[in-house]
C-alpha atoms as a PDB file:
ATOM      1  CA  MET A   1       0.000   0.000   0.000  1.00  0.00           C
ATOM      2  CA  SER A   2       1.497   3.350  -1.001  1.00  0.00           C
ATOM      3  CA  LYS A   3       1.639   6.346   1.269  1.00  0.00           C
ATOM      4  CA  ARG A   4      -0.870   9.071   0.424  1.00  0.00           C
ATOM      5  CA  ILE A   5       0.357  12.372  -0.938  1.00  0.00           C
ATOM      6  CA  MET A   6      -0.800  15.630   0.620  1.00  0.00           C
ATOM      7  CA  TYR A   7      -0.676  18.918  -1.256  1.00  0.00           C
ATOM      8  CA  VAL A   8       0.879  21.566   0.958  1.00  0.00           C
ATOM      9  CA  CYS A   9       1.103  24.442  -1.534  1.00  0.00           C
ATOM     10  CA  LEU A  10      -1.831  24.585  -3.936  1.00  0.00           C
ATOM     11  CA  CYS A  11      -0.473  27.609  -5.797  1.00  0.00           C
ATOM     12  CA  HIS A  12       2.537  25.620  -7.037  1.00  0.00           C
ATOM     13  CA  GLY A  13       1.333  22.034  -6.614  1.00  0.00           C
ATOM     14  CA  VAL A  14       3.943  21.200  -3.954  1.00  0.00           C
ATOM     15  CA  THR A  15       3.357  18.020  -1.969  1.00  0.00           C
ATOM     16  CA  ASP A  16       4.651  16.842   1.380  1.00  0.00           C
ATOM     17  CA  ARG A  17       6.719  14.285  -0.549  1.00  0.00           C
ATOM     18  CA  ASP A  18       8.355  17.099  -2.586  1.00  0.00           C
ATOM     19  CA  ILE A  19       9.258  18.911   0.622  1.00  0.00           C
ATOM     20  CA  ARG A  20      10.667  15.825   2.364  1.00  0.00           C
ATOM     21  CA  GLN A  21      12.692  14.890  -0.705  1.00  0.00           C
ATOM     22  CA  SER A  22      14.143  18.404  -0.977  1.00  0.00           C
ATOM     23  CA  VAL A  23      15.072  18.441   2.709  1.00  0.00           C
ATOM     24  CA  HIS A  24      16.798  15.062   2.353  1.00  0.00           C
ATOM     25  CA  GLN A  25      18.692  16.513  -0.622  1.00  0.00           C
ATOM     26  CA  GLY A  26      19.994  19.417   1.471  1.00  0.00           C
ATOM     27  CA  ALA A  27      17.367  22.173   1.373  1.00  0.00           C
ATOM     28  CA  THR A  28      17.180  22.363   5.171  1.00  0.00           C
ATOM     29  CA  THR A  29      16.381  26.065   5.614  1.00  0.00           C
ATOM     30  CA  MET A  30      13.043  27.599   4.710  1.00  0.00           C
ATOM     31  CA  SER A  31      14.764  29.944   2.291  1.00  0.00           C
ATOM     32  CA  LYS A  32      16.500  27.130   0.382  1.00  0.00           C
ATOM     33  CA  LEU A  33      13.420  24.936   0.509  1.00  0.00           C
ATOM     34  CA  CYS A  34      11.064  27.612  -0.840  1.00  0.00           C
ATOM     35  CA  LYS A  35      13.510  28.500  -3.613  1.00  0.00           C
ATOM     36  CA  ARG A  36      13.853  24.861  -4.622  1.00  0.00           C
ATOM     37  CA  VAL A  37      10.176  23.853  -4.678  1.00  0.00           C
ATOM     38  CA  GLY A  38       8.469  27.241  -5.048  1.00  0.00           C
ATOM     39  CA  CYS A  39       6.284  27.055  -1.961  1.00  0.00           C
ATOM     40  CA  GLY A  40       5.547  30.219  -0.020  1.00  0.00           C
ATOM     41  CA  THR A  41       6.223  32.494  -2.985  1.00  0.00           C
ATOM     42  CA  GLN A  42       2.647  33.161  -4.108  1.00  0.00           C
ATOM     43  CA  CYS A  43       0.003  33.705  -1.419  1.00  0.00           C
ATOM     44  CA  GLY A  44       2.070  32.488   1.563  1.00  0.00           C
ATOM     45  CA  LYS A  45      -0.738  30.536   3.246  1.00  0.00           C
ATOM     46  CA  CYS A  46       1.301  27.318   3.093  1.00  0.00           C
ATOM     47  CA  VAL A  47       4.386  28.563   4.950  1.00  0.00           C
ATOM     48  CA  ALA A  48       3.402  27.303   8.415  1.00  0.00           C
ATOM     49  CA  HIS A  49       2.592  23.838   7.083  1.00  0.00           C
ATOM     50  CA  VAL A  50       5.747  23.755   4.952  1.00  0.00           C
ATOM     51  CA  ARG A  51       7.721  24.494   8.117  1.00  0.00           C
ATOM     52  CA  GLN A  52       5.999  21.591   9.929  1.00  0.00           C
ATOM     53  CA  VAL A  53       6.756  19.133   7.124  1.00  0.00           C
ATOM     54  CA  ARG A  54      10.354  20.386   6.934  1.00  0.00           C
ATOM     55  CA  ASP A  55      10.777  19.961  10.703  1.00  0.00           C
ATOM     56  CA  LEU A  56       9.451  16.396  10.513  1.00  0.00           C
ATOM     57  CA  ALA A  57      11.873  15.619   7.682  1.00  0.00           C
ATOM     58  CA  LEU A  58      14.768  17.068   9.703  1.00  0.00           C
ATOM     59  CA  ALA A  59      13.722  14.913  12.667  1.00  0.00           C
ATOM     60  CA  GLU A  60      13.741  11.838  10.386  1.00  0.00           C
ATOM     61  CA  ILE A  61      17.280  12.691   9.311  1.00  0.00           C
ATOM     62  CA  ASN A  62      18.426  13.203  12.909  1.00  0.00           C
ATOM     63  CA  ASP A  63      16.823   9.931  14.014  1.00  0.00           C
ATOM     64  CA  ARG A  64      18.475   8.037  11.171  1.00  0.00           C
ATOM     65  CA  MET A  65      21.868   9.565  11.943  1.00  0.00           C
ATOM     66  CA  ALA A  66      21.526   8.698  15.638  1.00  0.00           C
ATOM     67  CA  THR A  67      20.593   5.117  14.769  1.00  0.00           C
ATOM     68  CA  GLU A  68      23.529   4.807  12.383  1.00  0.00           C
ATOM     69  CA  ALA A  69      25.854   6.203  15.049  1.00  0.00           C
ATOM     70  CA  ARG A  70      24.603   3.654  17.600  1.00  0.00           C
ATOM     71  CA  ILE A  71      25.013   0.813  15.134  1.00  0.00           C
ATOM     72  CA  GLY A  72      28.468   2.074  14.166  1.00  0.00           C
ATOM     73  CA  CYS A  73      29.513   2.169  17.813  1.00  0.00           C
ATOM     74  CA  ARG A  74      28.799  -1.549  18.136  1.00  0.00           C
ATOM     75  CA  PHE A  75      31.348  -2.355  15.451  1.00  0.00           C
ATOM     76  CA  HIS A  76      34.037   0.193  16.333  1.00  0.00           C
ATOM     77  CA  THR A  77      35.428  -0.462  19.768  1.00  0.00           C
ATOM     78  CA  THR A  78      38.557   1.129  21.085  1.00  0.00           C
END
């Protein structure tokens, strides 16, 4: 079963998947993110939700990095 897509910015057709993908590709600030996907540049009503999706994507990245660090520590003993 595929995950549903949610449109976050209707003016530019930006989805939550677009935002998460851009964050994972390095657009971690609102400025970089909005420039990359176009959200927040028309009416601005999406900005708060874009920020929420970006923050969730950043949390995913941090969680993954913490997990990888824990796993790496098991194999690298001093």
